[in-house]
Amino acid sequence: MGESKRRQEAMGDSYGKPESVLPGIPISKDTAAKFVSWSTKGAWAGIILMIGAWLTIRFIGPGFGWWTLTN
């Protein structure tokens, strides 16, 4: 008898179902990994947008301010 059959007999109906992160919480490890992946991508997008906004305000913004004061 192979390890797979022993595990299947021991686990019964829960064999082959995704393993949860914590008992009693319906979040699987796969779902948790997807959340971490998406939140990491979102954090990098936020950092890039913040740098873009800072560059715009720091360097481009003063140029428009000078133009409006002289004309």
PDB file of N, CA and C in Angstrom:
ATOM      1  N   MET A   1       0.852  -1.180   0.000  1.00  0.00           N
ATOM      2  CA  MET A   1       0.000   0.000   0.000  1.00  0.00           C
ATOM      3  C   MET A   1       0.893   1.236   0.000  1.00  0.00           C
ATOM      4  N   GLY A   2       0.607   2.154  -0.884  1.00  0.00           N
ATOM      5  CA  GLY A   2       1.423   3.352  -0.992  1.00  0.00           C
ATOM      6  C   GLY A   2       1.037   4.423   0.005  1.00  0.00           C
ATOM      7  N   GLU A   3       1.904   5.395   0.134  1.00  0.00           N
ATOM      8  CA  GLU A   3       1.675   6.508   1.065  1.00  0.00           C
ATOM      9  C   GLU A   3       0.396   7.276   0.717  1.00  0.00           C
ATOM     10  N   SER A   4       0.141   7.432  -0.569  1.00  0.00           N
ATOM     11  CA  SER A   4      -1.047   8.161  -1.001  1.00  0.00           C
ATOM     12  C   SER A   4      -2.324   7.476  -0.528  1.00  0.00           C
ATOM     13  N   LYS A   5      -2.391   6.166  -0.640  1.00  0.00           N
ATOM     14  CA  LYS A   5      -3.593   5.440  -0.208  1.00  0.00           C
ATOM     15  C   LYS A   5      -3.741   5.510   1.306  1.00  0.00           C
ATOM     16  N   ARG A   6      -2.635   5.419   2.041  1.00  0.00           N
ATOM     17  CA  ARG A   6      -2.711   5.530   3.507  1.00  0.00           C
ATOM     18  C   ARG A   6      -3.226   6.915   3.903  1.00  0.00           C
ATOM     19  N   ARG A   7      -2.696   7.946   3.251  1.00  0.00           N
ATOM     20  CA  ARG A   7      -3.126   9.315   3.552  1.00  0.00           C
ATOM     21  C   ARG A   7      -4.603   9.487   3.216  1.00  0.00           C
ATOM     22  N   GLN A   8      -5.036   8.933   2.091  1.00  0.00           N
ATOM     23  CA  GLN A   8      -6.437   9.043   1.676  1.00  0.00           C
ATOM     24  C   GLN A   8      -7.355   8.361   2.686  1.00  0.00           C
ATOM     25  N   GLU A   9      -6.969   7.200   3.182  1.00  0.00           N
ATOM     26  CA  GLU A   9      -7.779   6.504   4.177  1.00  0.00           C
ATOM     27  C   GLU A   9      -7.803   7.254   5.499  1.00  0.00           C
ATOM     28  N   ALA A  10      -6.682   7.855   5.879  1.00  0.00           N
ATOM     29  CA  ALA A  10      -6.613   8.579   7.148  1.00  0.00           C
ATOM     30  C   ALA A  10      -7.412   9.874   7.099  1.00  0.00           C
ATOM     31  N   MET A  11      -7.376  10.585   5.965  1.00  0.00           N
ATOM     32  CA  MET A  11      -8.047  11.882   5.856  1.00  0.00           C
ATOM     33  C   MET A  11      -9.521  11.740   5.512  1.00  0.00           C
ATOM     34  N   GLY A  12      -9.909  10.681   4.876  1.00  0.00           N
ATOM     35  CA  GLY A  12     -11.323  10.459   4.548  1.00  0.00           C
ATOM     36  C   GLY A  12     -11.826  11.447   3.515  1.00  0.00           C
ATOM     37  N   ASP A  13     -12.908  12.160   3.844  1.00  0.00           N
ATOM     38  CA  ASP A  13     -13.549  13.088   2.892  1.00  0.00           C
ATOM     39  C   ASP A  13     -12.730  14.348   2.620  1.00  0.00           C
ATOM     40  N   SER A  14     -11.844  14.705   3.536  1.00  0.00           N
ATOM     41  CA  SER A  14     -11.074  15.935   3.340  1.00  0.00           C
ATOM     42  C   SER A  14      -9.853  15.734   2.450  1.00  0.00           C
ATOM     43  N   TYR A  15      -9.638  14.523   1.939  1.00  0.00           N
ATOM     44  CA  TYR A  15      -8.487  14.243   1.073  1.00  0.00           C
ATOM     45  C   TYR A  15      -8.645  14.973  -0.253  1.00  0.00           C
ATOM     46  N   GLY A  16      -7.630  15.707  -0.663  1.00  0.00           N
ATOM     47  CA  GLY A  16      -7.638  16.420  -1.932  1.00  0.00           C
ATOM     48  C   GLY A  16      -8.206  17.820  -1.854  1.00  0.00           C
ATOM     49  N   LYS A  17      -8.788  18.198  -0.738  1.00  0.00           N
ATOM     50  CA  LYS A  17      -9.327  19.551  -0.584  1.00  0.00           C
ATOM     51  C   LYS A  17      -8.202  20.479  -0.138  1.00  0.00           C
ATOM     52  N   PRO A  18      -8.296  21.755  -0.499  1.00  0.00           N
ATOM     53  CA  PRO A  18      -7.219  22.681  -0.106  1.00  0.00           C
ATOM     54  C   PRO A  18      -7.118  22.809   1.412  1.00  0.00           C
ATOM     55  N   GLU A  19      -5.890  22.922   1.875  1.00  0.00           N
ATOM     56  CA  GLU A  19      -5.630  23.039   3.303  1.00  0.00           C
ATOM     57  C   GLU A  19      -5.880  24.474   3.755  1.00  0.00           C
ATOM     58  N   SER A  20      -6.556  24.652   4.909  1.00  0.00           N
ATOM     59  CA  SER A  20      -6.862  26.001   5.378  1.00  0.00           C
ATOM     60  C   SER A  20      -5.686  26.576   6.156  1.00  0.00           C
ATOM     61  N   VAL A  21      -5.661  27.899   6.256  1.00  0.00           N
ATOM     62  CA  VAL A  21      -4.591  28.589   6.968  1.00  0.00           C
ATOM     63  C   VAL A  21      -4.744  28.342   8.466  1.00  0.00           C
ATOM     64  N   LEU A  22      -5.926  28.592   8.988  1.00  0.00           N
ATOM     65  CA  LEU A  22      -6.229  28.345  10.394  1.00  0.00           C
ATOM     66  C   LEU A  22      -7.497  27.504  10.479  1.00  0.00           C
ATOM     67  N   PRO A  23      -7.574  26.619  11.428  1.00  0.00           N
ATOM     68  CA  PRO A  23      -8.801  25.820  11.559  1.00  0.00           C
ATOM     69  C   PRO A  23      -9.999  26.717  11.879  1.00  0.00           C
ATOM     70  N   GLY A  24     -11.094  26.499  11.197  1.00  0.00           N
ATOM     71  CA  GLY A  24     -12.306  27.275  11.442  1.00  0.00           C
ATOM     72  C   GLY A  24     -12.434  28.509  10.570  1.00  0.00           C
ATOM     73  N   ILE A  25     -11.385  28.879   9.869  1.00  0.00           N
ATOM     74  CA  ILE A  25     -11.436  30.044   8.979  1.00  0.00           C
ATOM     75  C   ILE A  25     -11.399  29.521   7.545  1.00  0.00           C
ATOM     76  N   PRO A  26     -12.391  29.885   6.736  1.00  0.00           N
ATOM     77  CA  PRO A  26     -12.472  29.313   5.384  1.00  0.00           C
ATOM     78  C   PRO A  26     -11.548  29.974   4.363  1.00  0.00           C
ATOM     79  N   ILE A  27     -10.288  30.138   4.715  1.00  0.00           N
ATOM     80  CA  ILE A  27      -9.308  30.715   3.801  1.00  0.00           C
ATOM     81  C   ILE A  27      -8.230  29.660   3.562  1.00  0.00           C
ATOM     82  N   SER A  28      -8.069  29.272   2.296  1.00  0.00           N
ATOM     83  CA  SER A  28      -7.067  28.257   1.994  1.00  0.00           C
ATOM     84  C   SER A  28      -5.696  28.906   1.827  1.00  0.00           C
ATOM     85  N   LYS A  29      -4.682  28.065   1.834  1.00  0.00           N
ATOM     86  CA  LYS A  29      -3.322  28.580   1.660  1.00  0.00           C
ATOM     87  C   LYS A  29      -3.147  29.186   0.267  1.00  0.00           C
ATOM     88  N   ASP A  30      -3.825  28.639  -0.719  1.00  0.00           N
ATOM     89  CA  ASP A  30      -3.760  29.183  -2.077  1.00  0.00           C
ATOM     90  C   ASP A  30      -4.371  30.585  -2.130  1.00  0.00           C
ATOM     91  N   THR A  31      -5.509  30.762  -1.468  1.00  0.00           N
ATOM     92  CA  THR A  31      -6.151  32.074  -1.422  1.00  0.00           C
ATOM     93  C   THR A  31      -5.268  33.090  -0.695  1.00  0.00           C
ATOM     94  N   ALA A  32      -4.638  32.670   0.394  1.00  0.00           N
ATOM     95  CA  ALA A  32      -3.750  33.558   1.139  1.00  0.00           C
ATOM     96  C   ALA A  32      -2.550  33.967   0.292  1.00  0.00           C
ATOM     97  N   ALA A  33      -2.003  33.026  -0.481  1.00  0.00           N
ATOM     98  CA  ALA A  33      -0.862  33.344  -1.344  1.00  0.00           C
ATOM     99  C   ALA A  33      -1.263  34.317  -2.446  1.00  0.00           C
ATOM    100  N   LYS A  34      -2.467  34.159  -3.002  1.00  0.00           N
ATOM    101  CA  LYS A  34      -2.946  35.097  -4.020  1.00  0.00           C
ATOM    102  C   LYS A  34      -3.128  36.488  -3.430  1.00  0.00           C
ATOM    103  N   PHE A  35      -3.636  36.574  -2.193  1.00  0.00           N
ATOM    104  CA  PHE A  35      -3.806  37.868  -1.541  1.00  0.00           C
ATOM    105  C   PHE A  35      -2.465  38.560  -1.338  1.00  0.00           C
ATOM    106  N   VAL A  36      -1.464  37.810  -0.901  1.00  0.00           N
ATOM    107  CA  VAL A  36      -0.128  38.387  -0.703  1.00  0.00           C
ATOM    108  C   VAL A  36       0.429  38.883  -2.029  1.00  0.00           C
ATOM    109  N   SER A  37       0.224  38.118  -3.097  1.00  0.00           N
ATOM    110  CA  SER A  37       0.717  38.512  -4.416  1.00  0.00           C
ATOM    111  C   SER A  37       0.052  39.807  -4.889  1.00  0.00           C
ATOM    112  N   TRP A  38      -1.262  39.883  -4.772  1.00  0.00           N
ATOM    113  CA  TRP A  38      -1.980  41.093  -5.211  1.00  0.00           C
ATOM    114  C   TRP A  38      -1.630  42.296  -4.346  1.00  0.00           C
ATOM    115  N   SER A  39      -1.516  42.113  -3.037  1.00  0.00           N
ATOM    116  CA  SER A  39      -1.206  43.247  -2.171  1.00  0.00           C
ATOM    117  C   SER A  39       0.216  43.751  -2.411  1.00  0.00           C
ATOM    118  N   THR A  40       1.132  42.853  -2.754  1.00  0.00           N
ATOM    119  CA  THR A  40       2.498  43.274  -3.080  1.00  0.00           C
ATOM    120  C   THR A  40       2.508  44.099  -4.363  1.00  0.00           C
ATOM    121  N   LYS A  41       1.784  43.648  -5.371  1.00  0.00           N
ATOM    122  CA  LYS A  41       1.689  44.409  -6.619  1.00  0.00           C
ATOM    123  C   LYS A  41       1.035  45.765  -6.386  1.00  0.00           C
ATOM    124  N   GLY A  42       0.005  45.797  -5.544  1.00  0.00           N
ATOM    125  CA  GLY A  42      -0.665  47.061  -5.229  1.00  0.00           C
ATOM    126  C   GLY A  42       0.250  48.023  -4.493  1.00  0.00           C
ATOM    127  N   ALA A  43       1.067  47.494  -3.590  1.00  0.00           N
ATOM    128  CA  ALA A  43       2.007  48.348  -2.859  1.00  0.00           C
ATOM    129  C   ALA A  43       3.027  48.963  -3.804  1.00  0.00           C
ATOM    130  N   TRP A  44       3.551  48.164  -4.744  1.00  0.00           N
ATOM    131  CA  TRP A  44       4.516  48.705  -5.711  1.00  0.00           C
ATOM    132  C   TRP A  44       3.860  49.743  -6.605  1.00  0.00           C
ATOM    133  N   ALA A  45       2.613  49.508  -7.003  1.00  0.00           N
ATOM    134  CA  ALA A  45       1.903  50.496  -7.826  1.00  0.00           C
ATOM    135  C   ALA A  45       1.738  51.802  -7.058  1.00  0.00           C
ATOM    136  N   GLY A  46       1.417  51.708  -5.776  1.00  0.00           N
ATOM    137  CA  GLY A  46       1.286  52.907  -4.946  1.00  0.00           C
ATOM    138  C   GLY A  46       2.598  53.656  -4.799  1.00  0.00           C
ATOM    139  N   ILE A  47       3.677  52.922  -4.650  1.00  0.00           N
ATOM    140  CA  ILE A  47       5.000  53.557  -4.531  1.00  0.00           C
ATOM    141  C   ILE A  47       5.351  54.290  -5.821  1.00  0.00           C
ATOM    142  N   ILE A  48       5.093  53.660  -6.955  1.00  0.00           N
ATOM    143  CA  ILE A  48       5.390  54.282  -8.247  1.00  0.00           C
ATOM    144  C   ILE A  48       4.537  55.527  -8.460  1.00  0.00           C
ATOM    145  N   LEU A  49       3.249  55.449  -8.125  1.00  0.00           N
ATOM    146  CA  LEU A  49       2.383  56.623  -8.260  1.00  0.00           C
ATOM    147  C   LEU A  49       2.820  57.750  -7.333  1.00  0.00           C
ATOM    148  N   MET A  50       3.252  57.414  -6.126  1.00  0.00           N
ATOM    149  CA  MET A  50       3.707  58.431  -5.186  1.00  0.00           C
ATOM    150  C   MET A  50       4.967  59.124  -5.710  1.00  0.00           C
ATOM    151  N   ILE A  51       5.900  58.366  -6.273  1.00  0.00           N
ATOM    152  CA  ILE A  51       7.114  58.956  -6.836  1.00  0.00           C
ATOM    153  C   ILE A  51       6.763  59.849  -8.019  1.00  0.00           C
ATOM    154  N   GLY A  52       5.836  59.386  -8.861  1.00  0.00           N
ATOM    155  CA  GLY A  52       5.407  60.209  -9.997  1.00  0.00           C
ATOM    156  C   GLY A  52       4.760  61.515  -9.553  1.00  0.00           C
ATOM    157  N   ALA A  53       3.913  61.431  -8.536  1.00  0.00           N
ATOM    158  CA  ALA A  53       3.276  62.646  -8.021  1.00  0.00           C
ATOM    159  C   ALA A  53       4.321  63.577  -7.408  1.00  0.00           C
ATOM    160  N   TRP A  54       5.271  63.019  -6.668  1.00  0.00           N
ATOM    161  CA  TRP A  54       6.294  63.851  -6.057  1.00  0.00           C
ATOM    162  C   TRP A  54       7.129  64.559  -7.120  1.00  0.00           C
ATOM    163  N   LEU A  55       7.522  63.825  -8.163  1.00  0.00           N
ATOM    164  CA  LEU A  55       8.309  64.437  -9.238  1.00  0.00           C
ATOM    165  C   LEU A  55       7.523  65.553  -9.926  1.00  0.00           C
ATOM    166  N   THR A  56       6.239  65.304 -10.149  1.00  0.00           N
ATOM    167  CA  THR A  56       5.400  66.320 -10.790  1.00  0.00           C
ATOM    168  C   THR A  56       5.302  67.569  -9.927  1.00  0.00           C
ATOM    169  N   ILE A  57       5.023  67.389  -8.656  1.00  0.00           N
ATOM    170  CA  ILE A  57       4.873  68.533  -7.753  1.00  0.00           C
ATOM    171  C   ILE A  57       6.206  69.255  -7.556  1.00  0.00           C
ATOM    172  N   ARG A  58       7.284  68.495  -7.445  1.00  0.00           N
ATOM    173  CA  ARG A  58       8.593  69.089  -7.140  1.00  0.00           C
ATOM    174  C   ARG A  58       9.205  69.833  -8.319  1.00  0.00           C
ATOM    175  N   PHE A  59       9.101  69.266  -9.517  1.00  0.00           N
ATOM    176  CA  PHE A  59       9.818  69.846 -10.651  1.00  0.00           C
ATOM    177  C   PHE A  59       8.904  70.530 -11.668  1.00  0.00           C
ATOM    178  N   ILE A  60       7.769  69.963 -11.966  1.00  0.00           N
ATOM    179  CA  ILE A  60       6.897  70.545 -12.991  1.00  0.00           C
ATOM    180  C   ILE A  60       6.012  71.638 -12.390  1.00  0.00           C
ATOM    181  N   GLY A  61       5.527  71.411 -11.174  1.00  0.00           N
ATOM    182  CA  GLY A  61       4.639  72.373 -10.518  1.00  0.00           C
ATOM    183  C   GLY A  61       5.212  73.775 -10.394  1.00  0.00           C
ATOM    184  N   PRO A  62       6.438  73.956  -9.923  1.00  0.00           N
ATOM    185  CA  PRO A  62       7.005  75.308  -9.811  1.00  0.00           C
ATOM    186  C   PRO A  62       7.112  76.021 -11.164  1.00  0.00           C
ATOM    187  N   GLY A  63       7.315  75.279 -12.224  1.00  0.00           N
ATOM    188  CA  GLY A  63       7.376  75.905 -13.544  1.00  0.00           C
ATOM    189  C   GLY A  63       6.044  76.524 -13.930  1.00  0.00           C
ATOM    190  N   PHE A  64       4.958  75.867 -13.626  1.00  0.00           N
ATOM    191  CA  PHE A  64       3.643  76.434 -13.902  1.00  0.00           C
ATOM    192  C   PHE A  64       3.339  77.608 -12.977  1.00  0.00           C
ATOM    193  N   GLY A  65       3.837  77.569 -11.767  1.00  0.00           N
ATOM    194  CA  GLY A  65       3.619  78.674 -10.832  1.00  0.00           C
ATOM    195  C   GLY A  65       4.334  79.933 -11.283  1.00  0.00           C
ATOM    196  N   TRP A  66       5.538  79.807 -11.796  1.00  0.00           N
ATOM    197  CA  TRP A  66       6.280  80.953 -12.285  1.00  0.00           C
ATOM    198  C   TRP A  66       5.588  81.554 -13.504  1.00  0.00           C
ATOM    199  N   TRP A  67       5.070  80.707 -14.390  1.00  0.00           N
ATOM    200  CA  TRP A  67       4.422  81.178 -15.602  1.00  0.00           C
ATOM    201  C   TRP A  67       3.162  81.966 -15.282  1.00  0.00           C
ATOM    202  N   THR A  68       2.403  81.539 -14.297  1.00  0.00           N
ATOM    203  CA  THR A  68       1.160  82.231 -13.964  1.00  0.00           C
ATOM    204  C   THR A  68       1.422  83.549 -13.247  1.00  0.00           C
ATOM    205  N   LEU A  69       2.537  83.675 -12.550  1.00  0.00           N
ATOM    206  CA  LEU A  69       2.842  84.911 -11.849  1.00  0.00           C
ATOM    207  C   LEU A  69       3.365  85.988 -12.804  1.00  0.00           C
ATOM    208  N   THR A  70       4.030  85.619 -13.888  1.00  0.00           N
ATOM    209  CA  THR A  70       4.626  86.602 -14.782  1.00  0.00           C
ATOM    210  C   THR A  70       3.683  87.019 -15.912  1.00  0.00           C
ATOM    211  N   ASN A  71       2.625  86.229 -16.168  1.00  0.00           N
ATOM    212  CA  ASN A  71       1.716  86.592 -17.289  1.00  0.00           C
ATOM    213  C   ASN A  71       0.405  87.091 -16.779  1.00  0.00           C
TER     214      ASN A  71
END
